[in-house]
Amino acid sequence: MLIGYARTSTVDQNYSLEDQLEKLEAAGCDPEYIHSEQVSAVETSRPKFEEAVRQLRKGDVLVVCKLDRLARSVKDLNDITQTIEAKGAGVKILDMNLDTTTATGRMMMNVIGSVAQFERELMLERQRIGIQKAKEEGKYKGRPPQKDVHSEIKRMHSEGMKPSKIAEALGIGVATVYRNRI
């Protein structure tokens, strides 16, 4: 059985969820067995992905559209593929025409995963360099400093003011009030 998984990190991501769902169906995944979610891969939990992996049985294939929908690092990719292979299942990545149910597919998965991680690390390094250069040129100031409201929150809270009113009076979020009131 082909079990599909689609994911976007954000609602406005170019590689849309709808596009992935269409591709998974076109690849032969039954819509009833396609799991989708909008959550960053760096999150600790991807419930729909975990559900898709739990659903896999011997001979099944987990189908994704792109490698980055499956894993964020070579270690993550290896852990995921080992878990899936231990169930007697495989992985198919549509955009690469890659299928881990073959020896060549497993080898290519490792090579491509390594290249993808290398590419991501280079991108992050260039980003850090760009930010540092912008800071040196005075073009990047970062987030403005937060005003120190801790003592004001404590005082207002001790006077019996409600958290929503404290937040409104200080121009801050209610969550900040709850974090600082005790």
C-alpha atoms as a PDB file:
ATOM      1  CA  MET A   1       0.000   0.000   0.000  1.00  0.00           C
ATOM      2  CA  LEU A   2       1.171   3.539  -0.745  1.00  0.00           C
ATOM      3  CA  ILE A   3       0.814   5.839   2.259  1.00  0.00           C
ATOM      4  CA  GLY A   4       1.302   9.537   1.524  1.00  0.00           C
ATOM      5  CA  TYR A   5       2.683  12.320   3.683  1.00  0.00           C
ATOM      6  CA  ALA A   6       2.473  16.035   2.846  1.00  0.00           C
ATOM      7  CA  ARG A   7       3.761  18.919   4.939  1.00  0.00           C
ATOM      8  CA  THR A   8       4.297  22.644   4.722  1.00  0.00           C
ATOM      9  CA  SER A   9       6.100  24.709   7.334  1.00  0.00           C
ATOM     10  CA  THR A  10       3.903  27.759   6.866  1.00  0.00           C
ATOM     11  CA  VAL A  11       0.508  28.549   5.412  1.00  0.00           C
ATOM     12  CA  ASP A  12       1.950  30.775   2.658  1.00  0.00           C
ATOM     13  CA  GLN A  13       4.751  28.447   1.567  1.00  0.00           C
ATOM     14  CA  ASN A  14       5.193  28.280  -2.233  1.00  0.00           C
ATOM     15  CA  TYR A  15       5.253  24.508  -2.333  1.00  0.00           C
ATOM     16  CA  SER A  16       1.648  24.306  -1.292  1.00  0.00           C
ATOM     17  CA  LEU A  17      -0.053  21.561   0.608  1.00  0.00           C
ATOM     18  CA  GLU A  18      -2.683  21.255  -2.125  1.00  0.00           C
ATOM     19  CA  ASP A  19       0.007  20.693  -4.760  1.00  0.00           C
ATOM     20  CA  GLN A  20       1.594  17.958  -2.668  1.00  0.00           C
ATOM     21  CA  LEU A  21      -1.759  16.263  -2.072  1.00  0.00           C
ATOM     22  CA  GLU A  22      -2.480  16.263  -5.815  1.00  0.00           C
ATOM     23  CA  LYS A  23       0.927  14.733  -6.565  1.00  0.00           C
ATOM     24  CA  LEU A  24       0.474  12.046  -3.912  1.00  0.00           C
ATOM     25  CA  GLU A  25      -2.905  11.061  -5.347  1.00  0.00           C
ATOM     26  CA  ALA A  26      -1.480  11.047  -8.890  1.00  0.00           C
ATOM     27  CA  ALA A  27       1.295   8.719  -7.635  1.00  0.00           C
ATOM     28  CA  GLY A  28      -1.336   6.211  -6.508  1.00  0.00           C
ATOM     29  CA  CYS A  29      -1.895   7.082  -2.848  1.00  0.00           C
ATOM     30  CA  ASP A  30      -5.489   6.603  -1.730  1.00  0.00           C
ATOM     31  CA  PRO A  31      -6.704   9.938  -0.255  1.00  0.00           C
ATOM     32  CA  GLU A  32      -7.816   7.976   2.821  1.00  0.00           C
ATOM     33  CA  TYR A  33      -4.153   7.083   3.447  1.00  0.00           C
ATOM     34  CA  ILE A  34      -2.615  10.527   2.909  1.00  0.00           C
ATOM     35  CA  HIS A  35      -1.511  12.334   6.062  1.00  0.00           C
ATOM     36  CA  SER A  36      -0.912  16.086   5.930  1.00  0.00           C
ATOM     37  CA  GLU A  37       0.031  18.853   8.327  1.00  0.00           C
ATOM     38  CA  GLN A  38       1.373  22.375   8.506  1.00  0.00           C
ATOM     39  CA  VAL A  39       4.218  22.248  10.980  1.00  0.00           C
ATOM     40  CA  SER A  40       7.923  22.997  10.833  1.00  0.00           C
ATOM     41  CA  ALA A  41      10.188  19.963  10.531  1.00  0.00           C
ATOM     42  CA  VAL A  42      12.304  21.335  13.357  1.00  0.00           C
ATOM     43  CA  GLU A  43       9.372  20.965  15.731  1.00  0.00           C
ATOM     44  CA  THR A  44       9.782  18.121  18.186  1.00  0.00           C
ATOM     45  CA  SER A  45       6.490  16.583  17.151  1.00  0.00           C
ATOM     46  CA  ARG A  46       4.938  15.954  13.757  1.00  0.00           C
ATOM     47  CA  PRO A  47       1.790  14.032  14.766  1.00  0.00           C
ATOM     48  CA  LYS A  48       0.544  13.272  11.243  1.00  0.00           C
ATOM     49  CA  PHE A  49       3.978  12.053  10.168  1.00  0.00           C
ATOM     50  CA  GLU A  50       4.173   9.799  13.212  1.00  0.00           C
ATOM     51  CA  GLU A  51       0.682   8.517  12.399  1.00  0.00           C
ATOM     52  CA  ALA A  52       1.736   7.734   8.814  1.00  0.00           C
ATOM     53  CA  VAL A  53       4.810   5.811  10.009  1.00  0.00           C
ATOM     54  CA  ARG A  54       2.717   3.872  12.573  1.00  0.00           C
ATOM     55  CA  GLN A  55       0.327   2.903   9.789  1.00  0.00           C
ATOM     56  CA  LEU A  56       3.104   1.330   7.667  1.00  0.00           C
ATOM     57  CA  ARG A  57       3.120  -2.459   7.360  1.00  0.00           C
ATOM     58  CA  LYS A  58       5.459  -4.890   5.613  1.00  0.00           C
ATOM     59  CA  GLY A  59       5.557  -4.108   1.891  1.00  0.00           C
ATOM     60  CA  ASP A  60       4.062  -0.601   2.266  1.00  0.00           C
ATOM     61  CA  VAL A  61       5.772   2.514   0.914  1.00  0.00           C
ATOM     62  CA  LEU A  62       5.702   5.984   2.491  1.00  0.00           C
ATOM     63  CA  VAL A  63       5.428   8.481  -0.359  1.00  0.00           C
ATOM     64  CA  VAL A  64       6.547  12.121  -0.051  1.00  0.00           C
ATOM     65  CA  CYS A  65       6.961  14.759  -2.751  1.00  0.00           C
ATOM     66  CA  LYS A  66      10.332  16.156  -1.689  1.00  0.00           C
ATOM     67  CA  LEU A  67      13.187  15.042   0.561  1.00  0.00           C
ATOM     68  CA  ASP A  68      12.893  18.126   2.791  1.00  0.00           C
ATOM     69  CA  ARG A  69       9.288  17.152   3.598  1.00  0.00           C
ATOM     70  CA  LEU A  70      10.680  13.990   5.194  1.00  0.00           C
ATOM     71  CA  ALA A  71      13.829  14.995   7.116  1.00  0.00           C
ATOM     72  CA  ARG A  72      16.037  17.984   8.021  1.00  0.00           C
ATOM     73  CA  SER A  73      19.422  16.288   8.402  1.00  0.00           C
ATOM     74  CA  VAL A  74      21.288  13.174   7.378  1.00  0.00           C
ATOM     75  CA  LYS A  75      20.963  11.800  10.911  1.00  0.00           C
ATOM     76  CA  ASP A  76      17.225  12.468  10.902  1.00  0.00           C
ATOM     77  CA  LEU A  77      16.913  10.885   7.456  1.00  0.00           C
ATOM     78  CA  ASN A  78      18.849   7.797   8.565  1.00  0.00           C
ATOM     79  CA  ASP A  79      16.761   7.443  11.737  1.00  0.00           C
ATOM     80  CA  ILE A  80      13.521   7.728   9.771  1.00  0.00           C
ATOM     81  CA  THR A  81      14.556   5.294   7.043  1.00  0.00           C
ATOM     82  CA  GLN A  82      15.800   2.777   9.632  1.00  0.00           C
ATOM     83  CA  THR A  83      12.468   2.953  11.463  1.00  0.00           C
ATOM     84  CA  ILE A  84      10.575   2.454   8.213  1.00  0.00           C
ATOM     85  CA  GLU A  85      12.862  -0.350   7.002  1.00  0.00           C
ATOM     86  CA  ALA A  86      12.501  -2.131  10.368  1.00  0.00           C
ATOM     87  CA  LYS A  87       8.773  -2.347   9.576  1.00  0.00           C
ATOM     88  CA  GLY A  88       9.612  -3.948   6.216  1.00  0.00           C
ATOM     89  CA  ALA A  89       8.450  -0.820   4.384  1.00  0.00           C
ATOM     90  CA  GLY A  90      10.166   1.669   2.081  1.00  0.00           C
ATOM     91  CA  VAL A  91      10.223   5.348   1.149  1.00  0.00           C
ATOM     92  CA  LYS A  92       9.531   6.937  -2.222  1.00  0.00           C
ATOM     93  CA  ILE A  93      10.405  10.559  -2.996  1.00  0.00           C
ATOM     94  CA  LEU A  94       8.456  11.681  -6.049  1.00  0.00           C
ATOM     95  CA  ASP A  95      10.475  14.713  -7.183  1.00  0.00           C
ATOM     96  CA  MET A  96      13.647  12.593  -7.299  1.00  0.00           C
ATOM     97  CA  ASN A  97      12.065   9.385  -8.526  1.00  0.00           C
ATOM     98  CA  LEU A  98      13.814   7.741  -5.588  1.00  0.00           C
ATOM     99  CA  ASP A  99      12.627   4.473  -4.075  1.00  0.00           C
ATOM    100  CA  THR A 100      14.366   2.900  -1.061  1.00  0.00           C
ATOM    101  CA  THR A 101      12.909  -0.502  -1.763  1.00  0.00           C
ATOM    102  CA  THR A 102      15.913  -0.975  -4.096  1.00  0.00           C
ATOM    103  CA  ALA A 103      19.623  -1.071  -3.218  1.00  0.00           C
ATOM    104  CA  THR A 104      20.329   1.798  -5.631  1.00  0.00           C
ATOM    105  CA  GLY A 105      17.518   3.830  -4.092  1.00  0.00           C
ATOM    106  CA  ARG A 106      18.908   3.357  -0.576  1.00  0.00           C
ATOM    107  CA  MET A 107      22.397   4.410  -1.701  1.00  0.00           C
ATOM    108  CA  MET A 108      21.069   7.459  -3.570  1.00  0.00           C
ATOM    109  CA  MET A 109      18.979   8.469  -0.554  1.00  0.00           C
ATOM    110  CA  ASN A 110      22.138   8.704   1.579  1.00  0.00           C
ATOM    111  CA  VAL A 111      24.091  10.615  -1.075  1.00  0.00           C
ATOM    112  CA  ILE A 112      21.286  13.087  -1.764  1.00  0.00           C
ATOM    113  CA  GLY A 113      20.575  13.510   1.951  1.00  0.00           C
ATOM    114  CA  SER A 114      24.229  14.388   2.565  1.00  0.00           C
ATOM    115  CA  VAL A 115      24.234  16.919  -0.283  1.00  0.00           C
ATOM    116  CA  ALA A 116      20.979  18.487   0.965  1.00  0.00           C
ATOM    117  CA  GLN A 117      22.355  18.893   4.493  1.00  0.00           C
ATOM    118  CA  PHE A 118      25.601  20.367   3.126  1.00  0.00           C
ATOM    119  CA  GLU A 119      23.606  22.843   1.028  1.00  0.00           C
ATOM    120  CA  ARG A 120      21.514  23.889   4.045  1.00  0.00           C
ATOM    121  CA  GLU A 121      24.591  24.401   6.215  1.00  0.00           C
ATOM    122  CA  LEU A 122      26.178  26.593   3.512  1.00  0.00           C
ATOM    123  CA  MET A 123      22.989  28.653   3.274  1.00  0.00           C
ATOM    124  CA  LEU A 124      22.910  29.190   7.050  1.00  0.00           C
ATOM    125  CA  GLU A 125      26.590  30.166   7.039  1.00  0.00           C
ATOM    126  CA  ARG A 126      25.987  32.728   4.256  1.00  0.00           C
ATOM    127  CA  GLN A 127      23.021  34.063   6.217  1.00  0.00           C
ATOM    128  CA  ARG A 128      25.141  34.510   9.375  1.00  0.00           C
ATOM    129  CA  ILE A 129      27.859  36.273   7.361  1.00  0.00           C
ATOM    130  CA  GLY A 130      25.273  38.572   5.747  1.00  0.00           C
ATOM    131  CA  ILE A 131      23.762  39.487   9.115  1.00  0.00           C
ATOM    132  CA  GLN A 132      27.209  40.182  10.595  1.00  0.00           C
ATOM    133  CA  LYS A 133      28.131  42.400   7.628  1.00  0.00           C
ATOM    134  CA  ALA A 134      24.820  44.277   7.880  1.00  0.00           C
ATOM    135  CA  LYS A 135      25.409  44.820  11.617  1.00  0.00           C
ATOM    136  CA  GLU A 136      28.890  46.194  10.951  1.00  0.00           C
ATOM    137  CA  GLU A 137      27.447  48.595   8.361  1.00  0.00           C
ATOM    138  CA  GLY A 138      24.688  49.654  10.775  1.00  0.00           C
ATOM    139  CA  LYS A 139      21.953  48.293   8.501  1.00  0.00           C
ATOM    140  CA  TYR A 140      20.841  45.517  10.846  1.00  0.00           C
ATOM    141  CA  LYS A 141      19.782  46.500  14.275  1.00  0.00           C
ATOM    142  CA  GLY A 142      17.972  43.350  15.339  1.00  0.00           C
ATOM    143  CA  ARG A 143      14.957  43.300  17.555  1.00  0.00           C
ATOM    144  CA  PRO A 144      14.401  46.478  19.604  1.00  0.00           C
ATOM    145  CA  PRO A 145      15.139  46.045  23.306  1.00  0.00           C
ATOM    146  CA  GLN A 146      12.150  45.159  25.459  1.00  0.00           C
ATOM    147  CA  LYS A 147      11.226  47.593  28.192  1.00  0.00           C
ATOM    148  CA  ASP A 148      11.711  46.284  31.709  1.00  0.00           C
ATOM    149  CA  VAL A 149       8.171  45.816  32.953  1.00  0.00           C
ATOM    150  CA  HIS A 150       8.699  43.180  35.618  1.00  0.00           C
ATOM    151  CA  SER A 151       8.406  45.546  38.605  1.00  0.00           C
ATOM    152  CA  GLU A 152       5.414  47.366  37.059  1.00  0.00           C
ATOM    153  CA  ILE A 153       3.619  44.060  36.469  1.00  0.00           C
ATOM    154  CA  LYS A 154       4.254  42.940  40.076  1.00  0.00           C
ATOM    155  CA  ARG A 155       2.995  46.266  41.435  1.00  0.00           C
ATOM    156  CA  MET A 156      -0.159  46.311  39.302  1.00  0.00           C
ATOM    157  CA  HIS A 157      -0.870  42.653  40.090  1.00  0.00           C
ATOM    158  CA  SER A 158      -0.486  43.266  43.834  1.00  0.00           C
ATOM    159  CA  GLU A 159      -3.018  46.089  43.494  1.00  0.00           C
ATOM    160  CA  GLY A 160      -5.507  43.509  42.149  1.00  0.00           C
ATOM    161  CA  MET A 161      -5.410  44.510  38.493  1.00  0.00           C
ATOM    162  CA  LYS A 162      -6.409  41.765  36.028  1.00  0.00           C
ATOM    163  CA  PRO A 163      -3.712  40.443  33.629  1.00  0.00           C
ATOM    164  CA  SER A 164      -5.556  41.679  30.516  1.00  0.00           C
ATOM    165  CA  LYS A 165      -5.784  45.211  31.992  1.00  0.00           C
ATOM    166  CA  ILE A 166      -2.089  45.154  32.981  1.00  0.00           C
ATOM    167  CA  ALA A 167      -1.145  44.118  29.450  1.00  0.00           C
ATOM    168  CA  GLU A 168      -3.289  46.852  27.941  1.00  0.00           C
ATOM    169  CA  ALA A 169      -1.882  49.518  30.285  1.00  0.00           C
ATOM    170  CA  LEU A 170       1.738  48.574  29.575  1.00  0.00           C
ATOM    171  CA  GLY A 171       1.313  47.837  25.862  1.00  0.00           C
ATOM    172  CA  ILE A 172       2.503  44.245  26.186  1.00  0.00           C
ATOM    173  CA  GLY A 173       1.032  40.805  25.633  1.00  0.00           C
ATOM    174  CA  VAL A 174      -0.969  38.980  28.285  1.00  0.00           C
ATOM    175  CA  ALA A 175       1.525  36.092  28.158  1.00  0.00           C
ATOM    176  CA  THR A 176       4.266  38.503  29.251  1.00  0.00           C
ATOM    177  CA  VAL A 177       2.131  39.492  32.234  1.00  0.00           C
ATOM    178  CA  TYR A 178       1.644  35.852  33.262  1.00  0.00           C
ATOM    179  CA  ARG A 179       5.382  35.126  32.901  1.00  0.00           C
ATOM    180  CA  ASN A 180       6.361  38.111  35.068  1.00  0.00           C
ATOM    181  CA  ARG A 181       3.649  38.589  37.669  1.00  0.00           C
ATOM    182  CA  ILE A 182       4.931  36.242  40.365  1.00  0.00           C
END
